[in-house]
Amino acid sequence: MERLLTALVAAFLICLMIGPFVIPLLRAFKFGQNIRDDGPQSHLKKAGTPTMGGLIMLSGIIGGTLLAAERPISPEIALLLLFLVGFALIGFLDDFIKIVKKRSLGLRAYQKFLAQVMLSIVFAWVAVNYLGRGTDIAIPFTYLRIDLGHWYYLFAIVVVLATTNAVNFTDGLDGLASGCVFTTSIAYSVIALMAITQGVGILTHDFDLGVYAVALAGACLGFLRFNHHPAQVFMGDTGSLALGGALASLAILTKTELLLVLMGGIYVLEVLSVIIQVASFKIRGKRVFKMAPLHHHFELVGWSETRVVYTFWTVCAALGAIGVISYTAMLR
């Protein structure tokens, strides 16, 4: 437990300490956020707020993890951190292009897609063939397992792509994504500890999964100091893609990919709102929501930004708790 506390506190404090230095630098380099013209009018005043704040979280996650992880660094931690940095790099390039080109879109869709697929394949291959993760998946609320064989790699790609892009969609209000990922990360730290306690650990260094999850939570909490409304900095795709990749990697290594659909219900709803909105407009010529993703719909029906954020945080925390409870059935 001491190592878990170290990871949490270290990640939190690292973010608090470097934030006041990184934010002015981002502002000095004019790394400001471009705001969608078709978005809520109340967001237009946020134009120019420094973005790429995900670099702050990245420092906290890596620092907290390395300070508390086993020595020598385990293959699990090495893989998790490399995967995290890989997705952060994709996001960084996306953010950088947006700023340099002064547009709301960065990397082309196919470029991000190919980069994410390549990272996902490498991660899944290493997890299955070198870490002993196997190719089976666990069915939530049961002790059943289904072996997908070689199809697992395709499944893992879908999990990663869905999670990273879902968290990316969720990052639309001050503190929304960082607060939601904080609660999901706490849930994953509990799941990792439960697996070890019950003697059903999957990997050689299962405790390190808990350390990583706690460091992720600590970094999100520290970043909220600067990202809470009114935000001093946005995480950008640098942060949202990294956070999504972190959650997906935890799900894969703990064999809870399907459970993540429940615990990440907020992220799922955000993505579904976009899919439904686009499909409805193309097929019927009408919109279902006032605006997508879902958090903007609630803003446009009269909810304050903070009310939307706090409500979504609460729902995400409740879903995380339900996910932890349901995991007990999967241990039998």
Protein backbone atom coordinates (compact mmCIF):
# COMPACT_ATOMS: atom_id res chain seq x y z
CA MET A 1 0.00 0.00 0.00
CA GLU A 2 2.94 2.30 0.61
CA ARG A 3 3.94 2.14 -3.05
CA LEU A 4 0.39 2.97 -4.11
CA LEU A 5 0.35 6.02 -1.89
CA THR A 6 3.75 7.04 -3.24
CA ALA A 7 2.51 6.81 -6.83
CA LEU A 8 -0.64 8.80 -6.09
CA VAL A 9 1.04 11.59 -4.13
CA ALA A 10 4.07 11.82 -6.42
CA ALA A 11 1.99 12.09 -9.58
CA PHE A 12 -0.25 14.68 -7.93
CA LEU A 13 2.64 16.81 -6.64
CA ILE A 14 4.61 16.62 -9.90
CA CYS A 15 1.62 18.07 -11.75
CA LEU A 16 1.17 20.79 -9.14
CA MET A 17 4.85 21.72 -9.30
CA ILE A 18 5.41 21.81 -13.05
CA GLY A 19 2.03 23.28 -13.99
CA PRO A 20 2.99 26.88 -13.05
CA PHE A 21 6.07 26.57 -15.27
CA VAL A 22 4.56 24.74 -18.25
CA ILE A 23 1.44 26.90 -18.62
CA PRO A 24 3.33 30.21 -19.08
CA LEU A 25 5.62 28.49 -21.60
CA LEU A 26 2.63 27.27 -23.61
CA ARG A 27 1.23 30.79 -23.51
CA ALA A 28 4.57 32.30 -24.54
CA PHE A 29 4.79 29.96 -27.54
CA LYS A 30 1.20 30.95 -28.38
CA PHE A 31 -0.01 27.36 -28.10
CA GLY A 32 -3.59 28.53 -27.71
CA GLN A 33 -6.78 26.57 -28.27
CA ASN A 34 -8.82 27.17 -31.41
CA ILE A 35 -12.55 27.10 -30.61
CA ARG A 36 -15.19 25.70 -32.98
CA ASP A 37 -17.31 28.44 -34.52
CA ASP A 38 -20.36 26.18 -34.43
CA GLY A 39 -19.95 25.32 -30.75
CA PRO A 40 -21.73 26.88 -27.76
CA GLN A 41 -21.25 30.66 -27.86
CA SER A 42 -20.17 30.66 -24.22
CA HIS A 43 -17.02 28.78 -25.29
CA LEU A 44 -15.77 31.49 -27.64
CA LYS A 45 -14.21 33.35 -24.73
CA LYS A 46 -11.97 30.33 -24.15
CA ALA A 47 -10.13 30.94 -27.43
CA GLY A 48 -6.42 31.33 -26.82
CA THR A 49 -6.38 29.33 -23.58
CA PRO A 50 -3.12 27.32 -23.62
CA THR A 51 -3.49 23.74 -24.83
CA MET A 52 -1.13 20.72 -24.84
CA GLY A 53 -1.54 20.64 -21.05
CA GLY A 54 -1.47 16.88 -21.39
CA LEU A 55 2.30 17.27 -21.07
CA ILE A 56 1.72 18.13 -17.40
CA MET A 57 -0.27 14.95 -16.81
CA LEU A 58 2.22 12.88 -18.79
CA SER A 59 5.02 14.04 -16.49
CA GLY A 60 2.96 13.16 -13.43
CA ILE A 61 1.99 9.70 -14.66
CA ILE A 62 5.51 8.76 -15.69
CA GLY A 63 7.14 10.27 -12.60
CA GLY A 64 4.66 8.76 -10.14
CA THR A 65 4.86 5.34 -11.79
CA LEU A 66 8.65 5.18 -11.93
CA LEU A 67 9.03 6.34 -8.32
CA ALA A 68 6.70 3.63 -6.99
CA ALA A 69 7.19 0.72 -9.41
CA GLU A 70 9.30 -2.34 -8.65
CA ARG A 71 13.01 -2.32 -9.33
CA PRO A 72 14.20 -3.21 -11.88
CA ILE A 73 11.37 -1.77 -13.97
CA SER A 74 9.09 -4.61 -15.00
CA PRO A 75 8.17 -5.37 -18.64
CA GLU A 76 4.56 -4.49 -17.79
CA ILE A 77 5.45 -0.97 -16.65
CA ALA A 78 7.79 -0.48 -19.61
CA LEU A 79 5.03 -1.48 -22.04
CA LEU A 80 2.41 0.67 -20.32
CA LEU A 81 4.62 3.77 -20.32
CA LEU A 82 5.76 3.30 -23.93
CA PHE A 83 2.14 2.92 -25.01
CA LEU A 84 1.21 6.03 -23.04
CA VAL A 85 4.00 8.08 -24.62
CA GLY A 86 3.12 6.75 -28.07
CA PHE A 87 -0.46 7.99 -27.86
CA ALA A 88 0.67 11.26 -26.28
CA LEU A 89 2.99 11.76 -29.25
CA ILE A 90 0.14 11.24 -31.71
CA GLY A 91 -1.90 13.77 -29.77
CA PHE A 92 1.03 16.19 -29.59
CA LEU A 93 1.48 16.11 -33.36
CA ASP A 94 -2.25 16.65 -33.79
CA ASP A 95 -2.23 19.64 -31.42
CA PHE A 96 0.91 21.10 -32.94
CA ILE A 97 -0.50 21.01 -36.47
CA LYS A 98 -3.72 22.65 -35.27
CA ILE A 99 -1.73 25.50 -33.72
CA VAL A 100 0.72 25.99 -36.60
CA LYS A 101 -2.01 25.82 -39.24
CA LYS A 102 -4.40 27.78 -36.99
CA ARG A 103 -7.30 25.41 -37.61
CA SER A 104 -9.53 23.17 -35.50
CA LEU A 105 -8.33 19.97 -37.23
CA GLY A 106 -4.79 18.61 -36.97
CA LEU A 107 -3.63 15.25 -38.30
CA ARG A 108 -5.77 13.79 -41.04
CA ALA A 109 -8.14 11.06 -39.89
CA TYR A 110 -6.33 8.28 -41.73
CA GLN A 111 -2.99 9.36 -40.26
CA LYS A 112 -4.27 9.16 -36.68
CA PHE A 113 -6.06 5.91 -37.46
CA LEU A 114 -2.96 4.19 -38.87
CA ALA A 115 -0.75 5.38 -36.02
CA GLN A 116 -3.24 4.17 -33.39
CA VAL A 117 -3.68 0.80 -35.12
CA MET A 118 0.07 0.23 -35.29
CA LEU A 119 0.53 1.02 -31.61
CA SER A 120 -2.42 -1.22 -30.71
CA ILE A 121 -1.04 -4.18 -32.66
CA VAL A 122 2.38 -3.87 -31.02
CA PHE A 123 0.86 -3.56 -27.55
CA ALA A 124 -1.48 -6.54 -27.97
CA TRP A 125 1.28 -8.69 -29.50
CA VAL A 126 3.68 -8.03 -26.63
CA ALA A 127 0.96 -8.51 -24.00
CA VAL A 128 -0.13 -11.85 -25.47
CA ASN A 129 3.20 -13.35 -26.49
CA TYR A 130 5.63 -11.95 -23.92
CA LEU A 131 3.61 -11.01 -20.84
CA GLY A 132 1.33 -14.06 -20.83
CA ARG A 133 -1.93 -12.13 -21.12
CA GLY A 134 -3.44 -14.79 -23.42
CA THR A 135 -6.20 -14.28 -25.97
CA ASP A 136 -9.26 -14.86 -23.81
CA ILE A 137 -11.72 -12.21 -22.69
CA ALA A 138 -13.79 -12.13 -19.51
CA ILE A 139 -17.57 -11.73 -19.57
CA PRO A 140 -18.79 -9.13 -17.05
CA PHE A 141 -20.91 -10.31 -14.09
CA THR A 142 -19.85 -13.92 -14.72
CA TYR A 143 -16.79 -16.12 -14.35
CA LEU A 144 -16.99 -17.11 -18.04
CA ARG A 145 -14.06 -16.69 -20.41
CA ILE A 146 -14.08 -16.83 -24.21
CA ASP A 147 -10.86 -17.51 -26.11
CA LEU A 148 -10.78 -15.43 -29.28
CA GLY A 149 -7.54 -16.90 -30.58
CA HIS A 150 -5.99 -14.78 -33.33
CA TRP A 151 -9.16 -12.67 -33.48
CA TYR A 152 -8.12 -11.17 -30.16
CA TYR A 153 -5.72 -8.82 -31.93
CA LEU A 154 -8.56 -7.29 -33.92
CA PHE A 155 -10.60 -7.07 -30.72
CA ALA A 156 -7.75 -5.27 -28.93
CA ILE A 157 -7.43 -2.77 -31.78
CA VAL A 158 -11.14 -1.98 -31.54
CA VAL A 159 -10.87 -1.54 -27.75
CA VAL A 160 -7.97 0.88 -28.06
CA LEU A 161 -9.45 2.90 -30.91
CA ALA A 162 -12.84 3.12 -29.22
CA THR A 163 -11.42 4.12 -25.84
CA THR A 164 -8.94 6.73 -27.06
CA ASN A 165 -11.46 8.42 -29.31
CA ALA A 166 -14.20 8.23 -26.68
CA VAL A 167 -12.04 10.02 -24.11
CA ASN A 168 -11.10 12.50 -26.82
CA PHE A 169 -14.80 13.30 -27.41
CA THR A 170 -15.33 13.63 -23.65
CA ASP A 171 -12.65 16.31 -23.42
CA GLY A 172 -14.93 19.23 -24.27
CA LEU A 173 -15.60 21.03 -20.98
CA ASP A 174 -13.30 22.32 -18.25
CA GLY A 175 -12.24 19.38 -16.11
CA LEU A 176 -14.68 16.90 -17.64
CA ALA A 177 -12.29 14.31 -19.08
CA SER A 178 -9.67 14.58 -16.35
CA GLY A 179 -12.29 14.15 -13.62
CA CYS A 180 -13.94 11.19 -15.33
CA VAL A 181 -10.63 9.43 -15.98
CA PHE A 182 -9.68 10.02 -12.33
CA THR A 183 -12.68 7.98 -11.15
CA THR A 184 -12.14 5.22 -13.73
CA SER A 185 -8.46 5.00 -12.78
CA ILE A 186 -9.34 4.60 -9.11
CA ALA A 187 -11.70 1.78 -10.07
CA TYR A 188 -8.89 0.08 -12.00
CA SER A 189 -6.49 0.37 -9.09
CA VAL A 190 -9.05 -1.44 -6.92
CA ILE A 191 -9.57 -4.12 -9.58
CA ALA A 192 -5.81 -4.73 -9.84
CA LEU A 193 -5.56 -5.14 -6.06
CA MET A 194 -8.60 -7.43 -5.95
CA ALA A 195 -7.04 -9.69 -8.57
CA ILE A 196 -3.87 -10.02 -6.52
CA THR A 197 -5.74 -10.53 -3.24
CA GLN A 198 -7.85 -13.30 -4.74
CA GLY A 199 -4.81 -14.97 -6.26
CA VAL A 200 -6.01 -14.63 -9.84
CA GLY A 201 -3.35 -12.22 -11.04
CA ILE A 202 -2.74 -12.47 -14.75
CA LEU A 203 0.76 -11.06 -15.09
CA THR A 204 4.00 -11.55 -13.18
CA HIS A 205 3.96 -7.99 -11.86
CA ASP A 206 0.25 -7.40 -11.32
CA PHE A 207 0.82 -4.99 -8.45
CA ASP A 208 2.51 -2.64 -10.90
CA LEU A 209 -0.81 -2.34 -12.74
CA GLY A 210 -2.28 -0.90 -9.56
CA VAL A 211 0.68 1.47 -9.20
CA TYR A 212 0.18 2.70 -12.76
CA ALA A 213 -3.57 3.15 -12.29
CA VAL A 214 -3.03 5.14 -9.09
CA ALA A 215 -0.37 7.33 -10.74
CA LEU A 216 -2.87 7.98 -13.55
CA ALA A 217 -5.45 9.04 -10.99
CA GLY A 218 -2.99 11.26 -9.14
CA ALA A 219 -1.95 13.02 -12.34
CA CYS A 220 -5.58 13.66 -13.31
CA LEU A 221 -6.26 15.09 -9.85
CA GLY A 222 -3.20 17.33 -10.00
CA PHE A 223 -4.10 18.52 -13.50
CA LEU A 224 -7.57 19.46 -12.29
CA ARG A 225 -5.93 22.22 -10.25
CA PHE A 226 -5.33 24.01 -13.56
CA ASN A 227 -8.07 22.49 -15.71
CA HIS A 228 -11.07 23.00 -13.45
CA HIS A 229 -13.49 25.76 -14.49
CA PRO A 230 -12.39 28.35 -15.45
CA ALA A 231 -9.56 26.37 -17.01
CA GLN A 232 -6.08 27.85 -17.11
CA VAL A 233 -4.99 25.17 -19.58
CA PHE A 234 -6.57 22.45 -21.75
CA MET A 235 -5.12 18.95 -22.05
CA GLY A 236 -5.52 18.89 -25.84
CA ASP A 237 -5.23 15.69 -27.83
CA THR A 238 -1.82 15.29 -26.19
CA GLY A 239 -3.66 14.49 -22.98
CA SER A 240 -6.95 12.97 -24.13
CA LEU A 241 -5.39 10.39 -26.44
CA ALA A 242 -2.82 9.50 -23.78
CA LEU A 243 -5.53 9.06 -21.13
CA GLY A 244 -7.64 6.94 -23.47
CA GLY A 245 -4.64 4.80 -24.30
CA ALA A 246 -3.85 4.40 -20.60
CA LEU A 247 -7.37 3.16 -19.80
CA ALA A 248 -7.39 0.80 -22.78
CA SER A 249 -4.03 -0.67 -21.81
CA LEU A 250 -5.21 -1.28 -18.24
CA ALA A 251 -8.35 -2.97 -19.57
CA ILE A 252 -6.32 -5.25 -21.82
CA LEU A 253 -3.79 -6.29 -19.18
CA THR A 254 -6.49 -6.94 -16.55
CA LYS A 255 -8.78 -8.75 -19.04
CA THR A 256 -11.60 -6.31 -18.35
CA GLU A 257 -12.08 -4.90 -21.85
CA LEU A 258 -15.83 -5.54 -21.79
CA LEU A 259 -16.12 -4.25 -18.24
CA LEU A 260 -14.59 -0.98 -19.43
CA VAL A 261 -17.72 -0.44 -21.52
CA LEU A 262 -19.66 -0.27 -18.24
CA MET A 263 -17.14 1.67 -16.17
CA GLY A 264 -16.55 4.06 -19.05
CA GLY A 265 -20.25 4.50 -19.71
CA ILE A 266 -19.86 8.28 -19.93
CA TYR A 267 -17.28 7.92 -22.70
CA VAL A 268 -19.56 5.48 -24.50
CA LEU A 269 -22.51 7.87 -24.33
CA GLU A 270 -20.38 10.71 -25.67
CA VAL A 271 -19.39 8.66 -28.71
CA LEU A 272 -22.89 7.30 -29.26
CA SER A 273 -24.32 10.82 -29.20
CA VAL A 274 -22.01 11.78 -32.06
CA ILE A 275 -22.81 8.63 -34.06
CA ILE A 276 -26.56 9.05 -33.54
CA GLN A 277 -26.41 12.74 -34.41
CA VAL A 278 -24.52 12.19 -37.66
CA ALA A 279 -26.61 9.17 -38.71
CA SER A 280 -29.88 10.91 -37.95
CA PHE A 281 -28.93 14.03 -39.91
CA LYS A 282 -27.77 12.04 -42.94
CA ILE A 283 -30.79 9.70 -42.97
CA ARG A 284 -33.60 11.92 -41.72
CA GLY A 285 -32.17 15.39 -42.19
CA LYS A 286 -32.90 16.05 -38.50
CA ARG A 287 -30.75 16.20 -35.37
CA VAL A 288 -31.56 14.20 -32.24
CA PHE A 289 -29.49 16.38 -29.91
CA LYS A 290 -29.14 20.14 -29.89
CA MET A 291 -25.44 19.49 -30.34
CA ALA A 292 -23.03 16.58 -30.04
CA PRO A 293 -21.08 15.33 -28.12
CA LEU A 294 -23.63 14.88 -25.36
CA HIS A 295 -22.13 17.38 -22.90
CA HIS A 296 -22.83 20.22 -25.35
CA HIS A 297 -26.47 19.14 -25.61
CA PHE A 298 -26.94 19.64 -21.87
CA GLU A 299 -25.25 23.03 -22.08
CA LEU A 300 -27.65 24.14 -24.81
CA VAL A 301 -30.72 23.03 -22.84
CA GLY A 302 -29.69 25.39 -20.07
CA TRP A 303 -27.31 23.52 -17.77
CA SER A 304 -24.25 25.43 -16.59
CA GLU A 305 -20.88 24.04 -17.59
CA THR A 306 -20.03 23.12 -14.01
CA ARG A 307 -23.38 21.36 -13.54
CA VAL A 308 -22.73 19.20 -16.60
CA VAL A 309 -19.21 18.38 -15.42
CA TYR A 310 -20.17 17.51 -11.84
CA THR A 311 -23.10 15.39 -13.02
CA PHE A 312 -20.94 13.45 -15.45
CA TRP A 313 -18.28 12.97 -12.76
CA THR A 314 -20.89 11.55 -10.40
CA VAL A 315 -22.25 9.16 -13.00
CA CYS A 316 -18.73 8.04 -13.93
CA ALA A 317 -17.89 7.40 -10.27
CA ALA A 318 -21.08 5.38 -9.80
CA LEU A 319 -20.35 3.29 -12.90
CA GLY A 320 -16.82 2.70 -11.65
CA ALA A 321 -18.18 1.44 -8.34
CA ILE A 322 -20.63 -0.86 -10.13
CA GLY A 323 -17.77 -2.14 -12.27
CA VAL A 324 -15.68 -2.96 -9.20
CA ILE A 325 -18.61 -4.77 -7.58
CA SER A 326 -19.30 -6.75 -10.75
CA TYR A 327 -15.65 -7.73 -10.95
CA THR A 328 -16.10 -9.81 -7.78
CA ALA A 329 -18.36 -12.14 -9.76
CA MET A 330 -15.67 -12.49 -12.41
CA LEU A 331 -13.19 -13.73 -9.80
CA ARG A 332 -15.13 -16.82 -8.80
